């Protein structure tokens, strides 16, 4: 016979409610009691029925992270961080590769919500403001990362892309470069648009005309294709600022 929650409660000398609280990582359990219950579960080989728990608590303890490309080292690091933070709070993480496809993103969100995912982190290049606004109005727990929908009442984790690009441009200018070019991602990508604005602003301040090439994607191949336009310039730029690392690898190749 499989070990049940009743067996764990009896062996640990606690109530069923206490075992349930431990399983669901509730803060309302004394640490000594939590350890005793966890040790009993391990000794008996008890594995909680997550489906039954979800039905009772209305929580699956699952989070979803939507990224454009998990092979991109930046988003791989993001995924590690999200997963570590989730596990520390007794959650598991589902990672979805969305690319730059708004329909694929909407499809993932629909499936995730039907499966009862507790919350979604959007770190995608596929911008669908209407989807984000719809979720926020419905009070569905979401967080935006490296993108923004200003009118949405949601949590955000953003970097100052404008300032970062200004610093990059100022560095190249300090090295004596005056023929500068930028290879950016498609303009609909918020972070890249902010970097382009910062780059152009810094060059304008220095009296230098910015040259911006909008790549047709965000990956290595897109950077490689954009580099052909750089090589065709006369005179060629002496320094290039790329909107992300993958584009930079393509340009270098």
Protein backbone atom coordinates (compact mmCIF):
# COMPACT_ATOMS: atom_id res chain seq x y z
CA UNK A 1 0.00 0.00 0.00
CA UNK A 2 1.33 3.46 -0.84
CA UNK A 3 2.14 5.78 2.05
CA UNK A 4 -0.56 8.40 2.60
CA UNK A 5 -0.73 11.79 4.29
CA UNK A 6 -2.57 10.04 7.13
CA UNK A 7 0.46 7.80 7.73
CA UNK A 8 2.77 10.82 7.84
CA UNK A 9 0.51 12.66 10.31
CA UNK A 10 0.26 9.62 12.58
CA UNK A 11 4.01 8.91 12.54
CA UNK A 12 4.95 12.57 13.09
CA UNK A 13 2.33 13.03 15.80
CA UNK A 14 0.70 16.04 14.11
CA UNK A 15 -2.62 16.84 12.45
CA UNK A 16 -3.40 16.41 8.77
CA UNK A 17 -3.62 20.20 8.52
CA UNK A 18 -0.06 20.56 9.79
CA UNK A 19 1.27 18.07 7.23
CA UNK A 20 -0.62 19.96 4.53
CA UNK A 21 0.91 23.25 5.67
CA UNK A 22 4.40 21.73 5.53
CA UNK A 23 3.78 20.35 2.03
CA UNK A 24 2.58 23.78 0.87
CA UNK A 25 5.47 25.58 2.58
CA UNK A 26 3.17 27.60 4.84
CA UNK A 27 4.95 29.99 7.21
CA UNK A 28 2.49 29.08 9.98
CA UNK A 29 4.41 26.02 11.16
CA UNK A 30 7.08 25.93 13.87
CA UNK A 31 10.49 25.14 12.42
CA UNK A 32 10.97 22.14 14.74
CA UNK A 33 7.59 20.73 13.65
CA UNK A 34 8.40 21.36 9.99
CA UNK A 35 11.65 19.43 10.30
CA UNK A 36 9.93 16.53 12.07
CA UNK A 37 7.27 16.27 9.38
CA UNK A 38 9.83 16.51 6.56
CA UNK A 39 12.01 13.86 8.16
CA UNK A 40 8.97 11.59 8.56
CA UNK A 41 8.00 12.08 4.91
CA UNK A 42 11.53 11.21 3.82
CA UNK A 43 11.76 8.17 6.11
CA UNK A 44 8.40 6.80 4.92
CA UNK A 45 9.11 7.66 1.28
CA UNK A 46 6.00 9.81 1.05
CA UNK A 47 5.48 11.78 -2.17
CA UNK A 48 2.71 14.39 -1.98
CA UNK A 49 -0.08 14.16 -4.54
CA UNK A 50 0.38 17.54 -6.20
CA UNK A 51 -2.87 17.29 -8.14
CA UNK A 52 -4.88 16.66 -4.98
CA UNK A 53 -3.03 19.47 -3.23
CA UNK A 54 -3.77 21.85 -6.10
CA UNK A 55 -7.47 20.99 -5.96
CA UNK A 56 -7.56 21.77 -2.24
CA UNK A 57 -5.41 24.91 -2.19
CA UNK A 58 -6.26 26.26 -5.67
CA UNK A 59 -2.53 26.48 -6.27
CA UNK A 60 -0.28 24.30 -8.43
CA UNK A 61 2.96 25.79 -7.09
CA UNK A 62 4.06 26.14 -10.70
CA UNK A 63 5.36 29.31 -12.34
CA UNK A 64 6.01 29.88 -16.03
CA UNK A 65 8.88 31.82 -17.58
CA UNK A 66 8.41 32.91 -21.20
CA UNK A 67 11.68 33.70 -23.00
CA UNK A 68 12.51 34.44 -26.64
CA UNK A 69 15.44 32.01 -26.86
CA UNK A 70 16.75 29.83 -24.03
CA UNK A 71 19.97 29.22 -26.01
CA UNK A 72 20.81 32.90 -25.57
CA UNK A 73 23.23 33.02 -22.59
CA UNK A 74 21.44 36.04 -21.13
CA UNK A 75 18.10 34.24 -20.93
CA UNK A 76 19.77 31.03 -19.77
CA UNK A 77 21.10 33.02 -16.78
CA UNK A 78 17.64 34.52 -16.23
CA UNK A 79 16.13 31.03 -16.23
CA UNK A 80 18.67 29.80 -13.66
CA UNK A 81 17.87 32.73 -11.39
CA UNK A 82 14.11 32.33 -11.68
CA UNK A 83 14.33 28.60 -11.08
CA UNK A 84 16.58 29.02 -8.01
CA UNK A 85 14.21 31.62 -6.52
CA UNK A 86 11.16 29.46 -7.29
CA UNK A 87 12.64 26.30 -5.73
CA UNK A 88 13.59 28.27 -2.61
CA UNK A 89 9.88 29.03 -2.17
CA UNK A 90 8.79 25.45 -2.93
CA UNK A 91 7.69 26.26 -6.47
CA UNK A 92 8.64 24.63 -9.76
CA UNK A 93 9.25 26.50 -12.99
CA UNK A 94 8.08 25.79 -16.54
CA UNK A 95 10.21 27.44 -19.25
CA UNK A 96 8.66 28.23 -22.63
CA UNK A 97 10.57 29.30 -25.75
CA UNK A 98 8.41 31.88 -27.53
CA UNK A 99 10.78 33.38 -30.09
CA UNK A 100 9.32 36.52 -31.66
CA UNK A 101 5.93 34.95 -32.31
CA UNK A 102 2.94 36.65 -30.65
CA UNK A 103 0.58 33.82 -31.64
CA UNK A 104 2.88 31.23 -30.08
CA UNK A 105 3.07 33.37 -26.94
CA UNK A 106 -0.72 33.69 -26.73
CA UNK A 107 -1.06 29.93 -27.25
CA UNK A 108 1.37 29.19 -24.42
CA UNK A 109 -0.44 31.60 -22.09
CA UNK A 110 -3.80 29.98 -22.87
CA UNK A 111 -2.48 26.48 -22.13
CA UNK A 112 -0.67 27.60 -18.98
CA UNK A 113 -3.76 29.26 -17.58
CA UNK A 114 -5.90 26.20 -18.28
CA UNK A 115 -3.34 24.10 -16.41
CA UNK A 116 -3.66 26.40 -13.41
CA UNK A 117 -0.17 27.92 -13.47
CA UNK A 118 0.09 30.29 -10.48
CA UNK A 119 1.87 33.09 -12.34
CA UNK A 120 3.74 34.00 -15.52
CA UNK A 121 6.98 35.95 -16.04
CA UNK A 122 7.19 37.58 -19.46
CA UNK A 123 10.80 38.02 -20.62
CA UNK A 124 9.90 37.85 -24.28
CA UNK A 125 10.53 39.79 -27.47
CA UNK A 126 7.02 38.96 -28.71
CA UNK A 127 5.19 42.14 -27.77
CA UNK A 128 1.46 41.75 -27.40
CA UNK A 129 0.35 44.63 -25.20
CA UNK A 130 -3.30 43.61 -25.45
CA UNK A 131 -2.53 40.21 -23.95
CA UNK A 132 -0.63 41.75 -21.04
CA UNK A 133 -3.37 44.34 -20.44
CA UNK A 134 -6.04 41.65 -20.52
CA UNK A 135 -4.18 39.55 -17.94
CA UNK A 136 -3.50 42.54 -15.68
CA UNK A 137 -7.15 43.65 -15.78
CA UNK A 138 -8.16 40.13 -14.81
CA UNK A 139 -5.79 40.31 -11.82
CA UNK A 140 -3.80 37.35 -13.12
CA UNK A 141 -0.32 37.35 -11.49
CA UNK A 142 2.26 38.37 -14.08
CA UNK A 143 5.65 40.08 -14.07
CA UNK A 144 7.31 41.82 -17.00
CA UNK A 145 11.05 41.55 -17.42
CA UNK A 146 13.19 43.59 -19.82
CA UNK A 147 10.04 44.89 -21.49
CA UNK A 148 7.30 47.27 -20.48
CA UNK A 149 3.63 47.98 -21.00
CA UNK A 150 3.30 51.32 -19.16
CA UNK A 151 -0.49 51.22 -18.83
CA UNK A 152 -0.54 47.73 -17.29
CA UNK A 153 -0.75 47.47 -13.50
CA UNK A 154 1.81 44.69 -13.10
CA UNK A 155 5.19 44.10 -11.50
CA UNK A 156 8.24 44.92 -13.61
CA UNK A 157 11.94 44.10 -13.56
CA UNK A 158 13.64 46.58 -15.87
CA UNK A 159 17.14 47.79 -16.63
CA UNK A 160 18.06 51.31 -17.74
CA UNK A 161 18.71 50.43 -21.38
CA UNK A 162 18.89 54.10 -22.39
CA UNK A 163 21.65 54.86 -19.87
CA UNK A 164 23.54 51.69 -20.76
CA UNK A 165 23.65 52.69 -24.43
CA UNK A 166 24.77 56.21 -23.53
CA UNK A 167 27.68 54.75 -21.53
CA UNK A 168 28.61 52.42 -24.41
CA UNK A 169 28.59 55.29 -26.92
CA UNK A 170 30.59 57.56 -24.60
CA UNK A 171 33.19 54.81 -24.19
CA UNK A 172 33.63 54.44 -27.96
CA UNK A 173 33.78 58.21 -28.38
CA UNK A 174 36.44 58.44 -25.65
CA UNK A 175 38.57 56.02 -27.69
CA UNK A 176 38.53 58.51 -30.56
CA UNK A 177 35.93 56.87 -32.81
CA UNK A 178 33.78 59.20 -34.89
CA UNK A 179 32.37 56.81 -37.49
CA UNK A 180 30.04 54.82 -35.26
CA UNK A 181 27.27 52.41 -36.15
CA UNK A 182 24.69 50.51 -34.14
CA UNK A 183 23.15 47.15 -35.01
CA UNK A 184 19.79 47.04 -33.26
CA UNK A 185 17.02 44.51 -32.91
CA UNK A 186 13.62 45.12 -34.54
CA UNK A 187 12.24 48.45 -33.28
CA UNK A 188 9.19 46.80 -31.66
CA UNK A 189 11.50 45.33 -29.00
CA UNK A 190 11.34 47.79 -26.11
CA UNK A 191 14.85 47.28 -24.74
CA UNK A 192 16.47 47.67 -28.16
CA UNK A 193 14.46 50.80 -28.94
CA UNK A 194 15.64 52.34 -25.65
CA UNK A 195 19.26 51.43 -26.42
CA UNK A 196 18.94 53.00 -29.86
CA UNK A 197 17.58 56.22 -28.33
CA UNK A 198 20.45 56.35 -25.83
CA UNK A 199 23.08 55.67 -28.48
CA UNK A 200 21.70 58.36 -30.78
CA UNK A 201 21.41 60.87 -27.95
CA UNK A 202 25.05 60.42 -26.88
CA UNK A 203 26.31 60.78 -30.44
CA UNK A 204 24.15 63.85 -31.06
CA UNK A 205 25.59 65.42 -27.91
CA UNK A 206 29.09 64.83 -29.34
CA UNK A 207 28.15 66.23 -32.76
CA UNK A 208 28.43 62.83 -34.44
CA UNK A 209 25.85 61.48 -36.88
CA UNK A 210 24.57 58.07 -35.71
CA UNK A 211 24.16 55.23 -38.20
CA UNK A 212 21.64 52.59 -37.12
CA UNK A 213 21.05 49.29 -38.87
CA UNK A 214 17.91 47.47 -37.76
CA UNK A 215 18.56 43.74 -37.88
CA UNK A 216 15.77 41.42 -38.95
CA UNK A 217 16.01 39.42 -35.73
CA UNK A 218 17.86 39.10 -32.44
CA UNK A 219 20.18 36.14 -33.02
CA UNK A 220 23.59 35.37 -34.50
CA UNK A 221 22.30 34.91 -38.04
CA UNK A 222 20.55 38.28 -37.92
CA UNK A 223 23.82 39.88 -36.79
CA UNK A 224 25.68 38.17 -39.63
CA UNK A 225 23.21 39.52 -42.17
CA UNK A 226 23.39 43.02 -40.68
CA UNK A 227 27.18 42.95 -40.92
CA UNK A 228 26.89 42.83 -44.71
CA UNK A 229 25.34 46.30 -44.62
CA UNK A 230 28.23 47.49 -42.42
CA UNK A 231 30.80 46.12 -44.87
CA UNK A 232 29.02 47.86 -47.75
CA UNK A 233 29.38 51.32 -46.16
CA UNK A 234 31.88 53.80 -47.57
CA UNK A 235 33.65 54.75 -45.46
CA UNK A 236 33.10 51.87 -43.09
CA UNK A 237 32.45 52.54 -39.40
CA UNK A 238 35.45 52.14 -37.11
CA UNK A 239 33.33 50.94 -34.17
CA UNK A 240 30.02 49.12 -33.83
CA UNK A 241 27.60 48.96 -30.90
CA UNK A 242 25.29 45.92 -30.93
CA UNK A 243 21.98 45.75 -29.06
CA UNK A 244 22.70 42.30 -27.66
CA UNK A 245 25.46 39.70 -27.39
CA UNK A 246 24.06 37.35 -30.03
CA UNK A 247 23.96 40.11 -32.64
CA UNK A 248 27.52 41.02 -31.67
CA UNK A 249 28.70 37.44 -32.26
CA UNK A 250 27.09 37.50 -35.71
CA UNK A 251 28.72 40.83 -36.56
CA UNK A 252 32.13 39.58 -35.42
CA UNK A 253 31.78 36.46 -37.56
